[in-house]
N, C-alpha and C. Protein backbone atom coordinates (compact mmCIF):
# COMPACT_ATOMS: atom_id res chain seq x y z
N MET A 1 93.57 38.19 93.04
CA MET A 1 93.20 39.47 92.42
C MET A 1 94.15 39.79 91.27
N SER A 2 93.56 40.23 90.18
CA SER A 2 94.40 40.56 89.03
C SER A 2 94.57 42.08 88.97
N ASP A 3 95.48 42.49 88.14
CA ASP A 3 95.75 43.91 87.93
C ASP A 3 94.73 44.55 87.02
N GLY A 4 93.77 43.82 86.54
CA GLY A 4 92.71 44.18 85.61
C GLY A 4 92.34 45.63 85.42
N ASP A 5 91.08 45.86 85.07
CA ASP A 5 90.59 47.18 84.69
C ASP A 5 90.39 48.12 85.88
N HIS A 6 90.39 47.60 87.06
CA HIS A 6 89.99 48.42 88.20
C HIS A 6 91.17 48.96 89.00
N THR A 7 92.32 49.05 88.39
CA THR A 7 93.47 49.63 89.08
C THR A 7 93.19 51.11 89.27
N GLN A 8 93.36 51.57 90.47
CA GLN A 8 93.11 52.99 90.71
C GLN A 8 94.40 53.69 91.09
N ASP A 9 94.74 54.67 90.31
CA ASP A 9 95.94 55.45 90.59
C ASP A 9 95.49 56.73 91.29
N PRO A 10 95.87 56.93 92.54
CA PRO A 10 95.35 58.09 93.31
C PRO A 10 95.75 59.44 92.73
N VAL A 11 96.79 59.49 91.92
CA VAL A 11 97.25 60.77 91.38
C VAL A 11 96.57 61.10 90.06
N GLU A 12 95.84 60.15 89.51
CA GLU A 12 95.36 60.25 88.14
C GLU A 12 94.25 61.25 87.85
N PRO A 13 93.24 61.47 88.70
CA PRO A 13 92.07 62.26 88.23
C PRO A 13 92.38 63.71 87.91
N LYS A 14 93.11 63.93 86.83
CA LYS A 14 93.44 65.30 86.42
C LYS A 14 92.30 65.92 85.62
N ALA A 15 91.60 65.15 84.81
CA ALA A 15 90.58 65.70 83.93
C ALA A 15 89.45 66.34 84.73
N GLU A 16 88.85 65.62 85.67
CA GLU A 16 87.77 66.20 86.46
C GLU A 16 88.33 67.20 87.46
N ASP A 17 89.55 66.95 87.87
CA ASP A 17 90.25 67.81 88.82
C ASP A 17 90.34 69.24 88.29
N ALA A 18 90.39 69.37 86.97
CA ALA A 18 90.53 70.68 86.35
C ALA A 18 89.38 71.60 86.74
N ASN A 19 88.23 71.02 87.04
CA ASN A 19 87.09 71.85 87.37
C ASN A 19 86.73 71.78 88.86
N ALA A 20 87.55 71.09 89.63
CA ALA A 20 87.27 70.98 91.06
C ALA A 20 87.50 72.35 91.71
N PRO A 21 86.60 72.75 92.61
CA PRO A 21 86.80 74.05 93.26
C PRO A 21 88.03 74.02 94.17
N ILE A 22 88.71 75.14 94.26
CA ILE A 22 89.80 75.25 95.21
C ILE A 22 89.52 76.42 96.13
N ASN A 23 90.15 76.40 97.27
CA ASN A 23 90.00 77.47 98.24
C ASN A 23 91.11 78.48 98.03
N ILE A 24 90.74 79.73 97.95
CA ILE A 24 91.70 80.81 97.78
C ILE A 24 91.56 81.74 98.99
N LYS A 25 92.68 82.06 99.59
CA LYS A 25 92.66 82.97 100.73
C LYS A 25 93.10 84.34 100.25
N VAL A 26 92.29 85.35 100.54
CA VAL A 26 92.64 86.72 100.18
C VAL A 26 93.07 87.42 101.48
N THR A 27 94.30 87.91 101.49
CA THR A 27 94.86 88.50 102.71
C THR A 27 95.16 89.97 102.50
N THR A 28 94.74 90.81 103.45
CA THR A 28 94.99 92.24 103.35
C THR A 28 96.31 92.59 104.03
N GLN A 29 96.73 93.84 103.84
CA GLN A 29 97.96 94.32 104.47
C GLN A 29 97.86 94.26 105.99
N THR A 30 96.64 94.33 106.51
CA THR A 30 96.46 94.32 107.96
C THR A 30 96.28 92.92 108.51
N GLY A 31 96.40 91.93 107.64
CA GLY A 31 96.34 90.54 108.09
C GLY A 31 94.95 89.93 108.12
N GLU A 32 93.94 90.68 107.65
CA GLU A 32 92.59 90.09 107.58
C GLU A 32 92.56 89.07 106.46
N GLU A 33 91.81 88.00 106.68
CA GLU A 33 91.74 86.95 105.68
C GLU A 33 90.29 86.69 105.29
N VAL A 34 90.06 86.58 104.01
CA VAL A 34 88.74 86.22 103.49
C VAL A 34 88.94 85.01 102.59
N PHE A 35 88.09 84.00 102.76
CA PHE A 35 88.25 82.78 101.99
C PHE A 35 87.21 82.69 100.88
N PHE A 36 87.63 82.24 99.72
CA PHE A 36 86.73 82.04 98.59
C PHE A 36 86.95 80.64 98.06
N LYS A 37 85.87 80.03 97.61
CA LYS A 37 85.97 78.73 96.95
C LYS A 37 85.53 78.94 95.52
N ILE A 38 86.44 78.75 94.58
CA ILE A 38 86.08 78.95 93.17
C ILE A 38 86.64 77.80 92.33
N LYS A 39 86.04 77.62 91.17
CA LYS A 39 86.52 76.59 90.26
C LYS A 39 87.79 77.08 89.60
N ARG A 40 88.61 76.12 89.20
CA ARG A 40 89.91 76.45 88.61
C ARG A 40 89.80 77.25 87.32
N ASN A 41 88.66 77.11 86.62
CA ASN A 41 88.55 77.84 85.35
C ASN A 41 87.66 79.07 85.47
N THR A 42 87.32 79.47 86.69
CA THR A 42 86.55 80.69 86.91
C THR A 42 87.50 81.88 86.88
N LYS A 43 87.12 82.91 86.14
CA LYS A 43 87.99 84.09 86.08
C LYS A 43 88.11 84.72 87.46
N LEU A 44 89.32 85.13 87.79
CA LEU A 44 89.56 85.73 89.10
C LEU A 44 88.89 87.09 89.22
N SER A 45 88.47 87.67 88.09
CA SER A 45 87.75 88.95 88.17
C SER A 45 86.46 88.76 88.96
N LYS A 46 85.90 87.55 88.93
CA LYS A 46 84.70 87.26 89.70
C LYS A 46 84.99 87.31 91.19
N LEU A 47 86.10 86.74 91.59
CA LEU A 47 86.53 86.77 92.99
C LEU A 47 86.82 88.21 93.40
N GLN A 48 87.46 88.96 92.51
CA GLN A 48 87.79 90.35 92.82
C GLN A 48 86.52 91.17 93.07
N GLY A 49 85.53 90.96 92.22
CA GLY A 49 84.26 91.69 92.38
C GLY A 49 83.58 91.31 93.68
N ALA A 50 83.59 90.02 94.00
CA ALA A 50 82.95 89.55 95.23
C ALA A 50 83.67 90.12 96.45
N TYR A 51 84.98 90.17 96.38
CA TYR A 51 85.76 90.71 97.51
C TYR A 51 85.47 92.20 97.68
N ALA A 52 85.46 92.93 96.57
CA ALA A 52 85.21 94.38 96.63
C ALA A 52 83.85 94.66 97.26
N THR A 53 82.85 93.88 96.86
CA THR A 53 81.51 94.04 97.41
C THR A 53 81.52 93.76 98.90
N LYS A 54 82.22 92.69 99.28
CA LYS A 54 82.26 92.29 100.68
C LYS A 54 82.86 93.37 101.58
N VAL A 55 83.92 94.04 101.09
CA VAL A 55 84.57 95.06 101.91
C VAL A 55 84.07 96.47 101.62
N GLY A 56 83.11 96.57 100.69
CA GLY A 56 82.51 97.88 100.42
C GLY A 56 83.44 98.85 99.71
N LYS A 57 84.32 98.33 98.87
CA LYS A 57 85.23 99.19 98.12
C LYS A 57 84.94 99.03 96.64
N ASP A 58 85.41 100.00 95.86
CA ASP A 58 85.29 99.89 94.42
C ASP A 58 86.40 98.96 93.94
N VAL A 59 86.06 98.02 93.08
CA VAL A 59 87.05 97.03 92.64
C VAL A 59 88.26 97.71 91.96
N SER A 60 88.04 98.87 91.37
CA SER A 60 89.15 99.56 90.70
C SER A 60 90.14 100.16 91.70
N SER A 61 89.75 100.24 92.98
CA SER A 61 90.67 100.80 93.98
C SER A 61 91.44 99.70 94.72
N ILE A 62 91.26 98.46 94.27
CA ILE A 62 91.91 97.34 94.94
C ILE A 62 92.83 96.63 93.96
N ARG A 63 94.04 96.35 94.41
CA ARG A 63 94.96 95.56 93.58
C ARG A 63 95.10 94.19 94.19
N PHE A 64 95.07 93.18 93.33
CA PHE A 64 95.21 91.80 93.78
C PHE A 64 96.53 91.26 93.25
N LEU A 65 97.34 90.71 94.13
CA LEU A 65 98.64 90.20 93.73
C LEU A 65 98.76 88.73 94.09
N TYR A 66 99.27 87.95 93.15
CA TYR A 66 99.54 86.54 93.42
C TYR A 66 101.01 86.31 93.15
N GLU A 67 101.72 85.88 94.17
CA GLU A 67 103.17 85.67 94.10
C GLU A 67 103.88 86.91 93.55
N GLY A 68 103.40 88.08 93.99
CA GLY A 68 104.05 89.33 93.63
C GLY A 68 103.64 89.91 92.29
N HIS A 69 102.80 89.20 91.53
CA HIS A 69 102.36 89.70 90.22
C HIS A 69 100.90 90.10 90.29
N ARG A 70 100.59 91.19 89.63
CA ARG A 70 99.22 91.67 89.64
C ARG A 70 98.30 90.68 88.92
N VAL A 71 97.18 90.38 89.53
CA VAL A 71 96.20 89.47 88.93
C VAL A 71 95.43 90.23 87.86
N GLN A 72 95.37 89.66 86.67
CA GLN A 72 94.64 90.29 85.56
C GLN A 72 93.20 89.78 85.55
N GLU A 73 92.31 90.58 84.95
CA GLU A 73 90.88 90.23 84.89
C GLU A 73 90.65 88.84 84.31
N SER A 74 91.45 88.48 83.30
CA SER A 74 91.21 87.22 82.60
C SER A 74 91.91 86.02 83.23
N ASP A 75 92.72 86.25 84.27
CA ASP A 75 93.42 85.14 84.93
C ASP A 75 92.44 84.21 85.61
N THR A 76 92.78 82.94 85.63
CA THR A 76 92.02 81.94 86.38
C THR A 76 92.99 81.22 87.29
N PRO A 77 92.49 80.52 88.32
CA PRO A 77 93.41 79.73 89.15
C PRO A 77 94.24 78.76 88.29
N ALA A 78 93.60 78.19 87.26
CA ALA A 78 94.33 77.25 86.39
C ALA A 78 95.44 77.96 85.63
N SER A 79 95.15 79.15 85.08
CA SER A 79 96.17 79.84 84.28
C SER A 79 97.33 80.31 85.14
N LEU A 80 97.09 80.54 86.42
CA LEU A 80 98.15 80.97 87.33
C LEU A 80 98.77 79.78 88.06
N ASP A 81 98.29 78.58 87.75
CA ASP A 81 98.81 77.38 88.39
C ASP A 81 98.62 77.40 89.90
N MET A 82 97.48 77.93 90.33
CA MET A 82 97.22 78.03 91.76
C MET A 82 96.85 76.67 92.33
N GLU A 83 97.13 76.51 93.61
CA GLU A 83 96.77 75.28 94.28
C GLU A 83 95.80 75.60 95.41
N ASP A 84 95.16 74.55 95.92
CA ASP A 84 94.22 74.71 97.00
C ASP A 84 94.89 75.45 98.16
N ASN A 85 94.18 76.40 98.74
CA ASN A 85 94.65 77.20 99.88
C ASN A 85 95.76 78.18 99.54
N ASP A 86 95.93 78.51 98.26
CA ASP A 86 96.90 79.55 97.90
C ASP A 86 96.36 80.91 98.36
N THR A 87 97.26 81.86 98.45
CA THR A 87 96.91 83.19 98.96
C THR A 87 97.06 84.26 97.89
N ILE A 88 96.07 85.13 97.81
CA ILE A 88 96.16 86.34 96.98
C ILE A 88 96.28 87.51 97.94
N ASP A 89 97.26 88.38 97.69
CA ASP A 89 97.42 89.56 98.54
C ASP A 89 96.61 90.71 97.98
N VAL A 90 96.01 91.47 98.87
CA VAL A 90 95.18 92.59 98.47
C VAL A 90 95.81 93.89 98.92
N MET A 91 95.92 94.82 97.99
CA MET A 91 96.40 96.16 98.32
C MET A 91 95.28 97.14 98.01
N VAL A 92 94.82 97.85 99.00
CA VAL A 92 93.80 98.86 98.76
C VAL A 92 94.52 100.17 98.47
N GLU A 93 94.29 100.70 97.28
CA GLU A 93 94.94 101.94 96.91
C GLU A 93 94.21 103.08 97.60
N GLN A 94 94.97 103.89 98.28
CA GLN A 94 94.37 105.01 98.99
C GLN A 94 93.94 106.06 97.97
N VAL A 95 92.68 106.41 98.02
CA VAL A 95 92.19 107.46 97.13
C VAL A 95 92.25 108.75 97.93
N GLY A 96 92.85 109.77 97.32
CA GLY A 96 93.12 111.03 98.03
C GLY A 96 91.96 111.62 98.82
N GLY A 97 92.30 112.43 99.79
CA GLY A 97 91.29 113.11 100.60
C GLY A 97 90.70 112.24 101.68
N SER A 98 90.27 112.88 102.76
CA SER A 98 89.61 112.13 103.83
C SER A 98 88.34 112.86 104.19
N ALA A 99 87.38 112.09 104.65
CA ALA A 99 86.06 112.66 104.94
C ALA A 99 86.09 113.43 106.24
């Protein structure tokens, strides 16, 4: 066998990898976990909207933090250098008054 054209480097597929979906875990202060699978170049605002819908809250009343920094609308997993199974923390801002 020669070293020819068919050498496969297991670490190499970065180009297609850029668009491979990754799993993101969204964790609340109470320890609830919701999992999302999104592409690395999908804006996290999409995940935020989906999460807000899932929990029945207004997206503007929820803060999303990744490694202690607030997630911006335009952030993507790629721009934040996120890896598969990374966690985003969710803080629900209490809106005054109770029913």
